[in-house]
């Protein structure tokens, strides 16, 4: 048993250390570009290799008794310390990646909200806006119609009993204001075969960005005043705006279209190295009439 342990000490352990060191060196040299390994991996590989070499019986012949073992152990400790450093770097990179993915998700949602706001602005104003402040102001304006209807003269059998009444059934359609001036209650008017119609108006903010509307779509609450800003860096999104140039033979009544592109100026994280590595999130185009995002939708 003692002989087996001695053999393991003299040959197996040094061989494992040397082989592990060579593997670390090869792995370090195989990385390039974004997959470049930390320098600590190279240093740790060299230490492991030297530790294995110094612990072999060959070097024991030239060094004082036990000195090669001490040197090997010291190099092994150094290699383990550097190995921990490599582990720490990899763990930090993983945490960085998770944080970046979460930030990207939240930034994409902010861009989607901003795109929805621009689409609503165009729906009610005929074009996009190149002014974020004007866009935010619009979101609180009462522009979204909310129709109201109680009763139905078209399906009321009361009018089918008399052809003269059938021709006059449109006279039984009244608004809430007319109902109020008549002194009748709405319930009474319905009993008398009237149909009450009305239209009220709410804001785009209330319809799409209120806490209730967001909860219905399982989205996080949002403050419309924050829409123009990146949710992490708090920097303002860049809004590029271009008016279409019409051909000389275009119809006189044709209005030029408007192209917009909104871009996140600060990819996450905001340090210069990651700006180079990461695509910038954006939606829209200055060459085509679309508001497509450059993320997977």
Protein backbone atom coordinates (compact mmCIF):
# COMPACT_ATOMS: atom_id res chain seq x y z
CA UNK A 1 0.00 0.00 0.00
CA UNK A 2 2.86 2.34 0.88
CA UNK A 3 4.48 1.60 -2.46
CA UNK A 4 1.26 2.46 -4.32
CA UNK A 5 0.99 5.80 -2.49
CA UNK A 6 4.62 6.53 -3.26
CA UNK A 7 4.06 5.77 -6.94
CA UNK A 8 1.02 8.05 -7.01
CA UNK A 9 3.06 10.82 -5.34
CA UNK A 10 6.00 10.45 -7.73
CA UNK A 11 4.23 9.97 -11.05
CA UNK A 12 0.41 10.25 -11.06
CA UNK A 13 0.05 13.58 -9.23
CA UNK A 14 2.79 15.35 -11.25
CA UNK A 15 1.33 13.96 -14.48
CA UNK A 16 -2.16 15.21 -13.61
CA UNK A 17 -0.85 18.66 -12.70
CA UNK A 18 1.20 18.94 -15.89
CA UNK A 19 -1.67 17.70 -18.07
CA UNK A 20 -4.12 20.13 -16.43
CA UNK A 21 -1.67 22.98 -16.98
CA UNK A 22 -1.25 22.10 -20.65
CA UNK A 23 -5.03 21.93 -21.05
CA UNK A 24 -5.46 25.39 -19.51
CA UNK A 25 -2.78 26.85 -21.80
CA UNK A 26 -4.35 25.29 -24.89
CA UNK A 27 -7.83 26.50 -23.87
CA UNK A 28 -6.49 30.03 -23.34
CA UNK A 29 -4.89 30.06 -26.79
CA UNK A 30 -8.07 28.74 -28.47
CA UNK A 31 -10.18 31.77 -27.48
CA UNK A 32 -10.41 34.85 -29.69
CA UNK A 33 -12.55 37.92 -30.10
CA UNK A 34 -15.47 38.00 -27.64
CA UNK A 35 -14.47 34.54 -26.36
CA UNK A 36 -10.97 35.61 -25.25
CA UNK A 37 -10.10 33.99 -21.91
CA UNK A 38 -8.69 35.99 -18.97
CA UNK A 39 -4.89 36.19 -18.65
CA UNK A 40 -5.13 34.50 -15.24
CA UNK A 41 -6.00 31.26 -17.05
CA UNK A 42 -2.67 31.32 -18.90
CA UNK A 43 -0.71 32.06 -15.71
CA UNK A 44 -2.55 29.33 -13.82
CA UNK A 45 -1.85 26.84 -16.60
CA UNK A 46 1.87 27.63 -16.55
CA UNK A 47 1.97 27.27 -12.74
CA UNK A 48 0.22 23.90 -12.85
CA UNK A 49 2.57 22.66 -15.57
CA UNK A 50 5.69 23.77 -13.65
CA UNK A 51 4.32 22.29 -10.43
CA UNK A 52 3.89 18.92 -12.14
CA UNK A 53 7.39 19.04 -13.62
CA UNK A 54 9.11 19.98 -10.34
CA UNK A 55 7.34 17.20 -8.45
CA UNK A 56 8.69 14.45 -10.74
CA UNK A 57 11.49 12.11 -9.50
CA UNK A 58 13.83 13.48 -12.17
CA UNK A 59 13.98 16.94 -10.55
CA UNK A 60 14.19 15.41 -7.08
CA UNK A 61 17.66 14.16 -8.06
CA UNK A 62 18.93 17.71 -8.67
CA UNK A 63 17.14 19.51 -5.85
CA UNK A 64 17.55 19.13 -2.14
CA UNK A 65 15.29 16.56 -0.60
CA UNK A 66 11.78 17.92 -0.31
CA UNK A 67 12.61 21.21 -2.05
CA UNK A 68 10.97 20.16 -5.31
CA UNK A 69 7.88 19.09 -3.38
CA UNK A 70 7.73 22.45 -1.59
CA UNK A 71 8.13 24.34 -4.86
CA UNK A 72 5.47 22.18 -6.47
CA UNK A 73 3.08 22.79 -3.59
CA UNK A 74 3.69 26.55 -3.73
CA UNK A 75 3.05 26.60 -7.46
CA UNK A 76 -0.08 24.49 -6.93
CA UNK A 77 -1.38 26.97 -4.35
CA UNK A 78 -0.68 29.80 -6.79
CA UNK A 79 -2.46 27.92 -9.55
CA UNK A 80 -5.48 27.31 -7.32
CA UNK A 81 -5.62 31.00 -6.41
CA UNK A 82 -5.48 31.95 -10.07
CA UNK A 83 -8.06 29.27 -10.83
CA UNK A 84 -10.40 30.90 -8.34
CA UNK A 85 -9.77 34.23 -10.06
CA UNK A 86 -10.76 32.66 -13.39
CA UNK A 87 -13.91 31.24 -11.79
CA UNK A 88 -14.72 34.67 -10.35
CA UNK A 89 -14.29 36.28 -13.78
CA UNK A 90 -16.56 33.71 -15.43
CA UNK A 91 -19.20 34.10 -12.68
CA UNK A 92 -19.06 37.87 -13.08
CA UNK A 93 -19.50 37.53 -16.83
CA UNK A 94 -22.55 35.29 -16.29
CA UNK A 95 -24.07 37.81 -13.87
CA UNK A 96 -23.29 40.56 -16.35
CA UNK A 97 -25.03 38.61 -19.13
CA UNK A 98 -28.14 38.02 -17.01
CA UNK A 99 -28.29 41.70 -16.05
CA UNK A 100 -27.85 42.74 -19.67
CA UNK A 101 -30.65 40.43 -20.82
CA UNK A 102 -33.00 41.86 -18.20
CA UNK A 103 -32.05 45.40 -19.19
CA UNK A 104 -32.59 44.61 -22.86
CA UNK A 105 -36.04 43.20 -22.10
CA UNK A 106 -37.07 46.32 -20.19
CA UNK A 107 -35.61 48.62 -22.83
CA UNK A 108 -37.46 46.78 -25.60
CA UNK A 109 -40.72 47.16 -23.66
CA UNK A 110 -40.07 50.89 -23.27
CA UNK A 111 -39.47 51.16 -27.02
CA UNK A 112 -42.68 49.24 -27.70
CA UNK A 113 -44.59 51.66 -25.46
CA UNK A 114 -43.03 54.59 -27.27
CA UNK A 115 -43.93 53.06 -30.62
CA UNK A 116 -47.55 52.61 -29.49
CA UNK A 117 -47.65 56.28 -28.49
CA UNK A 118 -46.40 57.33 -31.94
CA UNK A 119 -48.94 55.08 -33.66
CA UNK A 120 -51.76 56.66 -31.66
CA UNK A 121 -50.45 60.14 -32.41
CA UNK A 122 -50.52 59.39 -36.12
CA UNK A 123 -54.00 57.85 -35.85
CA UNK A 124 -55.48 61.09 -34.50
CA UNK A 125 -53.15 63.65 -36.12
CA UNK A 126 -52.38 62.06 -39.49
CA UNK A 127 -48.60 61.95 -39.01
CA UNK A 128 -45.87 61.14 -36.52
CA UNK A 129 -44.33 63.79 -34.32
CA UNK A 130 -40.66 64.70 -34.06
CA UNK A 131 -41.11 66.22 -30.60
CA UNK A 132 -41.20 63.98 -27.51
CA UNK A 133 -42.70 66.75 -25.38
CA UNK A 134 -45.53 67.21 -27.86
CA UNK A 135 -46.08 63.45 -27.87
CA UNK A 136 -46.36 63.28 -24.06
CA UNK A 137 -48.77 66.23 -24.04
CA UNK A 138 -50.94 64.48 -26.64
CA UNK A 139 -51.20 61.31 -24.57
CA UNK A 140 -53.28 63.15 -21.96
CA UNK A 141 -55.66 64.75 -24.48
CA UNK A 142 -59.22 63.42 -24.66
CA UNK A 143 -59.20 62.00 -28.17
CA UNK A 144 -60.20 58.32 -27.89
CA UNK A 145 -63.97 57.94 -28.48
CA UNK A 146 -65.91 55.69 -26.13
CA UNK A 147 -69.35 55.00 -27.63
CA UNK A 148 -72.35 54.38 -25.37
CA UNK A 149 -75.58 52.67 -26.33
CA UNK A 150 -78.63 51.58 -24.39
CA UNK A 151 -81.65 50.17 -26.23
CA UNK A 152 -81.96 49.18 -29.90
CA UNK A 153 -84.65 50.64 -32.16
CA UNK A 154 -83.61 48.35 -35.01
CA UNK A 155 -84.54 45.23 -33.05
CA UNK A 156 -87.47 46.64 -31.08
CA UNK A 157 -90.63 44.80 -32.21
CA UNK A 158 -92.70 47.79 -31.13
CA UNK A 159 -91.96 49.56 -34.42
CA UNK A 160 -92.92 46.53 -36.52
CA UNK A 161 -96.55 46.90 -35.39
CA UNK A 162 -97.05 50.16 -37.25
CA UNK A 163 -95.52 51.09 -40.66
CA UNK A 164 -95.71 54.78 -39.78
CA UNK A 165 -93.73 54.14 -36.57
CA UNK A 166 -91.23 52.06 -38.56
CA UNK A 167 -90.44 55.12 -40.69
CA UNK A 168 -90.05 57.27 -37.60
CA UNK A 169 -87.86 55.00 -35.51
CA UNK A 170 -84.79 57.16 -36.08
CA UNK A 171 -86.63 59.85 -34.14
CA UNK A 172 -86.42 57.58 -31.13
CA UNK A 173 -82.62 57.72 -31.09
CA UNK A 174 -81.57 60.39 -28.60
CA UNK A 175 -78.44 61.52 -26.83
CA UNK A 176 -77.90 61.80 -23.10
CA UNK A 177 -78.02 65.59 -23.33
CA UNK A 178 -81.39 65.45 -25.13
CA UNK A 179 -82.63 62.98 -22.54
CA UNK A 180 -81.58 65.29 -19.72
CA UNK A 181 -83.41 68.27 -21.26
CA UNK A 182 -86.55 66.16 -21.72
CA UNK A 183 -86.76 65.47 -18.00
CA UNK A 184 -86.97 61.71 -18.48
CA UNK A 185 -84.78 59.14 -16.80
CA UNK A 186 -82.83 56.74 -18.98
CA UNK A 187 -84.78 53.77 -17.65
CA UNK A 188 -88.04 55.50 -18.50
CA UNK A 189 -86.85 56.34 -22.01
CA UNK A 190 -85.91 52.71 -22.67
CA UNK A 191 -89.38 51.61 -21.56
CA UNK A 192 -90.82 54.08 -24.07
CA UNK A 193 -88.75 52.37 -26.84
CA UNK A 194 -86.06 55.02 -27.11
CA UNK A 195 -82.45 54.21 -27.87
CA UNK A 196 -79.91 56.27 -25.94
CA UNK A 197 -76.63 56.92 -27.70
CA UNK A 198 -73.69 58.97 -26.63
CA UNK A 199 -69.95 59.29 -27.13
CA UNK A 200 -67.48 60.27 -24.44
CA UNK A 201 -63.75 60.66 -24.82
CA UNK A 202 -60.78 59.40 -22.86
CA UNK A 203 -57.03 59.88 -23.29
CA UNK A 204 -54.56 57.49 -24.89
CA UNK A 205 -52.86 57.43 -21.50
CA UNK A 206 -56.01 56.10 -19.82
CA UNK A 207 -56.69 53.55 -22.53
CA UNK A 208 -53.20 52.07 -22.89
CA UNK A 209 -50.91 53.24 -20.09
CA UNK A 210 -53.08 53.33 -16.97
CA UNK A 211 -52.32 50.87 -14.17
CA UNK A 212 -55.54 48.99 -14.98
CA UNK A 213 -54.74 48.74 -18.70
CA UNK A 214 -51.18 47.57 -18.00
CA UNK A 215 -52.33 44.98 -15.48
CA UNK A 216 -54.79 43.61 -18.03
CA UNK A 217 -51.89 42.99 -20.42
CA UNK A 218 -49.61 41.77 -17.60
CA UNK A 219 -47.16 44.63 -18.13
CA UNK A 220 -45.28 46.62 -15.51
CA UNK A 221 -46.67 50.08 -14.69
CA UNK A 222 -45.21 52.97 -16.66
CA UNK A 223 -45.21 56.73 -16.27
CA UNK A 224 -45.83 58.37 -19.65
CA UNK A 225 -43.43 61.18 -18.75
CA UNK A 226 -40.66 58.57 -18.70
CA UNK A 227 -41.42 57.10 -22.14
CA UNK A 228 -38.74 59.10 -23.99
CA UNK A 229 -35.98 57.80 -21.67
CA UNK A 230 -33.97 54.61 -21.36
CA UNK A 231 -35.20 52.90 -18.14
CA UNK A 232 -31.62 52.21 -16.95
CA UNK A 233 -29.34 55.01 -18.10
CA UNK A 234 -32.22 57.53 -18.05
CA UNK A 235 -30.80 59.05 -21.23
CA UNK A 236 -33.26 60.35 -23.80
CA UNK A 237 -33.91 58.16 -26.83
CA UNK A 238 -32.74 59.61 -30.14
CA UNK A 239 -35.59 60.52 -32.50
CA UNK A 240 -34.68 60.86 -36.18
CA UNK A 241 -37.34 62.33 -38.47
CA UNK A 242 -37.46 62.69 -42.25
CA UNK A 243 -40.19 63.99 -44.54
CA UNK A 244 -40.63 62.06 -47.77
CA UNK A 245 -39.62 63.77 -50.98
CA UNK A 246 -42.44 63.50 -53.54
CA UNK A 247 -41.84 62.99 -57.23
CA UNK A 248 -42.48 65.94 -59.55
CA UNK A 249 -45.47 64.17 -61.10
CA UNK A 250 -47.12 63.36 -57.76
CA UNK A 251 -50.76 64.35 -57.35
CA UNK A 252 -51.24 67.88 -56.05
CA UNK A 253 -53.40 66.74 -53.15
CA UNK A 254 -50.94 64.09 -52.01
CA UNK A 255 -49.20 64.77 -48.73
CA UNK A 256 -45.66 63.49 -48.15
CA UNK A 257 -45.25 60.68 -45.66
CA UNK A 258 -43.05 60.99 -42.61
CA UNK A 259 -40.33 58.51 -41.64
CA UNK A 260 -39.16 58.17 -38.04
CA UNK A 261 -36.53 56.10 -36.29
CA UNK A 262 -36.11 55.98 -32.51
CA UNK A 263 -32.84 54.62 -31.13
CA UNK A 264 -31.51 53.76 -27.69
CA UNK A 265 -28.30 55.83 -27.31
CA UNK A 266 -26.90 53.83 -24.37
CA UNK A 267 -26.77 50.07 -24.82
CA UNK A 268 -26.55 48.28 -21.47
CA UNK A 269 -24.13 48.38 -19.75
CA UNK A 270 -23.00 51.83 -20.76
CA UNK A 271 -19.22 51.34 -20.73
CA UNK A 272 -17.48 51.79 -24.05
CA UNK A 273 -16.40 48.14 -24.40
CA UNK A 274 -19.96 46.84 -24.34
CA UNK A 275 -21.13 49.55 -26.72
CA UNK A 276 -18.86 47.95 -29.29
CA UNK A 277 -20.01 44.40 -28.57
CA UNK A 278 -23.78 45.02 -28.55
CA UNK A 279 -26.24 46.05 -31.23
CA UNK A 280 -28.19 49.21 -30.46
CA UNK A 281 -31.92 48.68 -29.99
CA UNK A 282 -34.18 50.76 -32.21
CA UNK A 283 -37.43 50.78 -34.19
CA UNK A 284 -38.57 52.51 -37.34
CA UNK A 285 -36.71 53.48 -40.48
CA UNK A 286 -35.79 56.61 -42.40
CA UNK A 287 -36.13 54.75 -45.70
CA UNK A 288 -39.33 52.72 -45.31
CA UNK A 289 -42.79 53.31 -43.85
CA UNK A 290 -42.60 50.88 -40.97
CA UNK A 291 -42.01 50.91 -37.24
CA UNK A 292 -40.40 47.47 -37.03
CA UNK A 293 -37.99 46.90 -34.14
CA UNK A 294 -34.54 45.39 -34.60
CA UNK A 295 -35.23 42.83 -31.87
CA UNK A 296 -37.08 39.51 -32.11
CA UNK A 297 -40.80 40.27 -31.97
